[in-house]
Amino acid sequence: MFTGIVEELGEVVAIEDLGDAARFRLRGPVVTEDAKHGDSIAVNGVCLTVVDTADGEFTADVMAETLNRSSLGAVTPGSRVNLERPMALGGRLGGHLVQGHVDGTGTVVERTPAEHWELVKVALPAALSRYVVEKGSITVDGVSLTVVEAGDDYFTISLIPTTLALTTLGIKKAGDPVNLEVDVLAKYVERLLGRGSADLKDLDDIKEMDR
């Protein structure tokens, strides 16, 4: 489990094509200082498993499903990426609960700079928009953010100077893809409410049969 507080702006060093997968080599001296084989590291919000580490770099295998459903399929050697280690049990939850399971990709539509912050508009798939609410949480490229405005097919976020300087969101341009993970609590609530309705219907059917 992650919190969406990026620890380091890393870099893709190399990508090896494995046919139905790819092996990424990434530079991240902060996140690799205590990393070992089998550990998890979020890369642009995607939870990846460390294969090995050496000299401030680590490798991770990325299967075709992840390449196709996230923006990692579009990165190339030299691309900057957001890196975060999992939250330690008992650690501070600085952002919100982030699984590292990307729900889909969005697209940066426009950026509106201000003196001390920047407003960014992101288009998202209609299937995800129902989970996004004003002042709710959303993860964009692994960064925990608060939604400013939630539309039917877009949302906006405000980025402070620290986020602009220390994450990929400072260099994303209009048209660039971003990984999106909606608040998992919203998905659980939707599932439970749907199941609850079904349970009530089943109960009514049983009562009808007893009459």
Protein backbone atom coordinates (compact mmCIF):
# COMPACT_ATOMS: atom_id res chain seq x y z
CA MET A 1 0.00 0.00 0.00
CA PHE A 2 1.22 3.48 -0.92
CA THR A 3 0.17 7.00 0.06
CA GLY A 4 0.73 8.97 -3.15
CA ILE A 5 3.57 11.03 -1.69
CA VAL A 6 6.31 10.77 -4.30
CA GLU A 7 9.75 10.25 -2.79
CA GLU A 8 11.87 10.74 -5.87
CA LEU A 9 11.81 11.81 -9.50
CA GLY A 10 13.58 8.88 -11.14
CA GLU A 11 14.56 8.04 -14.69
CA VAL A 12 14.05 5.14 -17.07
CA VAL A 13 17.55 3.93 -17.96
CA ALA A 14 16.74 1.06 -20.33
CA ILE A 15 13.82 -1.07 -21.54
CA GLU A 16 14.33 -4.66 -22.69
CA ASP A 17 11.59 -6.06 -24.96
CA LEU A 18 10.60 -9.54 -23.75
CA GLY A 19 7.87 -10.12 -26.33
CA ASP A 20 4.79 -10.32 -24.11
CA ALA A 21 6.43 -8.21 -21.41
CA ALA A 22 9.28 -5.76 -20.85
CA ARG A 23 12.06 -5.41 -18.30
CA PHE A 24 12.59 -1.86 -17.10
CA ARG A 25 15.81 -0.59 -15.57
CA LEU A 26 15.25 2.57 -13.57
CA ARG A 27 17.46 4.97 -11.65
CA GLY A 28 16.30 5.89 -8.16
CA PRO A 29 18.99 6.11 -5.46
CA VAL A 30 16.52 7.10 -2.74
CA VAL A 31 14.01 4.27 -3.23
CA THR A 32 16.73 1.67 -3.78
CA GLU A 33 18.76 2.45 -0.66
CA ASP A 34 16.94 -0.27 1.28
CA ALA A 35 15.22 -2.14 -1.58
CA LYS A 36 15.78 -5.83 -2.21
CA HIS A 37 14.51 -8.55 -4.53
CA GLY A 38 10.73 -8.94 -4.23
CA ASP A 39 10.03 -5.50 -2.77
CA SER A 40 7.46 -3.19 -4.31
CA ILE A 41 8.09 0.25 -5.79
CA ALA A 42 5.41 2.41 -7.41
CA VAL A 43 6.49 3.78 -10.80
CA ASN A 44 4.17 6.55 -12.00
CA GLY A 45 1.57 5.00 -9.72
CA VAL A 46 2.04 1.43 -10.95
CA CYS A 47 3.11 -1.07 -8.30
CA LEU A 48 6.08 -3.02 -9.69
CA THR A 49 8.15 -5.81 -8.10
CA VAL A 50 11.89 -5.31 -7.79
CA VAL A 51 13.92 -7.98 -9.60
CA ASP A 52 17.35 -6.71 -8.53
CA THR A 53 19.18 -3.55 -7.51
CA ALA A 54 22.66 -2.16 -8.13
CA ASP A 55 24.33 1.25 -7.91
CA GLY A 56 21.15 3.21 -7.26
CA GLU A 57 19.20 1.43 -10.00
CA PHE A 58 16.60 -1.33 -10.00
CA THR A 59 14.96 -3.58 -12.56
CA ALA A 60 11.32 -4.63 -12.74
CA ASP A 61 9.33 -6.79 -15.13
CA VAL A 62 6.22 -5.23 -16.65
CA MET A 63 3.69 -7.58 -18.23
CA ALA A 64 1.71 -6.76 -21.37
CA GLU A 65 -1.48 -6.10 -19.37
CA THR A 66 0.26 -3.31 -17.47
CA LEU A 67 1.90 -1.88 -20.59
CA ASN A 68 -1.47 -1.80 -22.37
CA ARG A 69 -3.54 -0.40 -19.51
CA SER A 70 -1.14 2.21 -18.15
CA SER A 71 1.08 4.96 -19.52
CA LEU A 72 4.18 2.81 -18.93
CA GLY A 73 3.72 1.48 -22.45
CA ALA A 74 4.58 4.97 -23.74
CA VAL A 75 7.75 5.67 -21.72
CA THR A 76 11.20 5.45 -23.29
CA PRO A 77 14.77 5.52 -21.98
CA GLY A 78 15.33 8.96 -20.54
CA SER A 79 11.72 9.41 -19.42
CA ARG A 80 11.29 10.80 -15.90
CA VAL A 81 9.08 8.80 -13.54
CA ASN A 82 7.62 9.24 -10.07
CA LEU A 83 8.92 6.72 -7.53
CA GLU A 84 7.54 5.75 -4.13
CA ARG A 85 8.22 2.91 -1.71
CA PRO A 86 5.29 1.29 0.14
CA MET A 87 4.20 2.87 3.40
CA ALA A 88 5.69 1.13 6.44
CA LEU A 89 3.18 -0.23 8.95
CA GLY A 90 2.70 2.51 11.54
CA GLY A 91 3.95 5.23 9.19
CA ARG A 92 2.18 8.51 8.52
CA LEU A 93 -0.52 8.46 5.87
CA GLY A 94 0.53 11.67 4.15
CA GLY A 95 -1.74 11.38 1.10
CA HIS A 96 -4.50 8.77 0.91
CA LEU A 97 -4.71 4.99 0.54
CA VAL A 98 -3.17 4.13 -2.84
CA GLN A 99 -2.94 0.54 -4.06
CA GLY A 100 -0.70 1.03 -7.07
CA HIS A 101 -3.38 -0.61 -9.23
CA VAL A 102 -4.03 1.79 -12.09
CA ASP A 103 -7.69 2.00 -13.12
CA GLY A 104 -7.02 3.64 -16.48
CA THR A 105 -5.27 6.51 -18.19
CA GLY A 106 -6.29 10.10 -18.59
CA THR A 107 -4.97 12.87 -20.82
CA VAL A 108 -3.72 16.30 -19.83
CA VAL A 109 -6.04 18.75 -21.58
CA GLU A 110 -4.72 22.14 -20.53
CA ARG A 111 -2.60 23.92 -17.94
CA THR A 112 -3.44 27.31 -16.46
CA PRO A 113 -0.51 28.81 -14.53
CA ALA A 114 -0.92 31.26 -11.67
CA GLU A 115 1.63 33.08 -9.57
CA HIS A 116 2.14 30.36 -6.96
CA TRP A 117 0.31 27.32 -8.34
CA GLU A 118 -1.02 25.80 -11.54
CA LEU A 119 -4.46 24.45 -12.47
CA VAL A 120 -4.39 21.32 -14.63
CA LYS A 121 -7.38 19.86 -16.47
CA VAL A 122 -7.33 16.12 -17.13
CA ALA A 123 -9.75 14.17 -19.35
CA LEU A 124 -10.71 10.74 -18.04
CA PRO A 125 -12.75 7.73 -19.24
CA ALA A 126 -16.48 7.95 -18.56
CA ALA A 127 -16.32 4.67 -16.63
CA LEU A 128 -14.11 6.34 -14.01
CA SER A 129 -15.83 9.71 -13.70
CA ARG A 130 -18.45 8.41 -11.25
CA TYR A 131 -15.72 7.76 -8.69
CA VAL A 132 -14.35 11.31 -8.86
CA VAL A 133 -15.93 13.99 -6.68
CA GLU A 134 -15.12 17.59 -5.81
CA LYS A 135 -12.63 17.74 -2.91
CA GLY A 136 -12.17 13.97 -3.12
CA SER A 137 -8.84 12.20 -3.62
CA ILE A 138 -7.38 10.88 -6.87
CA THR A 139 -3.97 9.54 -7.80
CA VAL A 140 -2.39 10.98 -10.96
CA ASP A 141 0.88 9.35 -12.05
CA GLY A 142 1.26 8.13 -8.48
CA VAL A 143 0.68 11.56 -6.90
CA SER A 144 -2.09 11.91 -4.30
CA LEU A 145 -4.13 14.98 -5.23
CA THR A 146 -7.36 16.72 -4.28
CA VAL A 147 -9.98 17.21 -7.00
CA VAL A 148 -10.92 20.85 -7.55
CA GLU A 149 -13.72 20.32 -10.08
CA ALA A 150 -15.29 17.06 -11.23
CA GLY A 151 -16.98 17.04 -14.65
CA ASP A 152 -18.60 14.23 -16.62
CA ASP A 153 -15.44 13.54 -18.61
CA TYR A 154 -12.75 15.59 -16.87
CA PHE A 155 -11.46 16.82 -13.54
CA THR A 156 -9.13 19.60 -12.46
CA ILE A 157 -6.32 19.64 -9.90
CA SER A 158 -4.22 22.42 -8.40
CA LEU A 159 -0.48 21.83 -8.23
CA ILE A 160 1.73 23.61 -5.70
CA PRO A 161 5.37 24.52 -6.52
CA THR A 162 6.72 21.44 -4.68
CA THR A 163 4.59 19.09 -6.80
CA LEU A 164 5.57 20.92 -9.98
CA ALA A 165 9.27 20.73 -9.14
CA LEU A 166 9.54 17.22 -7.71
CA THR A 167 7.15 15.11 -9.84
CA THR A 168 6.43 14.43 -13.51
CA LEU A 169 3.33 16.60 -13.27
CA GLY A 170 5.56 19.63 -13.60
CA ILE A 171 6.64 18.58 -17.10
CA LYS A 172 3.51 16.96 -18.51
CA LYS A 173 2.17 18.76 -21.59
CA ALA A 174 -1.30 18.93 -23.12
CA GLY A 175 -1.91 15.61 -24.84
CA ASP A 176 0.35 13.59 -22.54
CA PRO A 177 -1.14 10.48 -20.87
CA VAL A 178 -1.27 10.06 -17.11
CA ASN A 179 -2.06 7.05 -14.95
CA LEU A 180 -5.21 7.34 -12.85
CA GLU A 181 -6.21 5.45 -9.71
CA VAL A 182 -9.51 6.47 -8.17
CA ASP A 183 -10.21 6.24 -4.45
CA VAL A 184 -10.70 2.53 -3.71
CA LEU A 185 -13.19 3.40 -0.96
CA ALA A 186 -15.59 4.73 -3.61
CA LYS A 187 -15.41 1.41 -5.49
CA TYR A 188 -16.08 -0.59 -2.33
CA VAL A 189 -19.08 1.59 -1.46
CA GLU A 190 -20.51 1.14 -4.95
CA ARG A 191 -20.04 -2.63 -4.74
CA LEU A 192 -21.58 -2.88 -1.29
CA LEU A 193 -24.59 -0.75 -2.21
CA GLY A 194 -25.17 -2.89 -5.29
CA ARG A 195 -24.88 -6.08 -3.27
CA GLY A 196 -27.17 -4.67 -0.62
CA SER A 197 -29.90 -4.05 -3.19
CA ALA A 198 -29.55 -7.60 -4.46
CA ASP A 199 -29.74 -8.97 -0.91
CA LEU A 200 -32.96 -7.08 -0.25
CA LYS A 201 -34.49 -8.45 -3.45
CA ASP A 202 -33.47 -12.00 -2.47
CA LEU A 203 -35.09 -11.49 0.93
CA ASP A 204 -38.32 -10.30 -0.67
CA ASP A 205 -38.33 -13.38 -2.93
CA ILE A 206 -37.92 -15.68 0.07
CA LYS A 207 -40.78 -14.00 1.91
CA GLU A 208 -42.98 -14.34 -1.18
CA MET A 209 -42.25 -18.08 -1.36
CA ASP A 210 -43.21 -18.53 2.30
CA ARG A 211 -46.66 -17.09 1.80
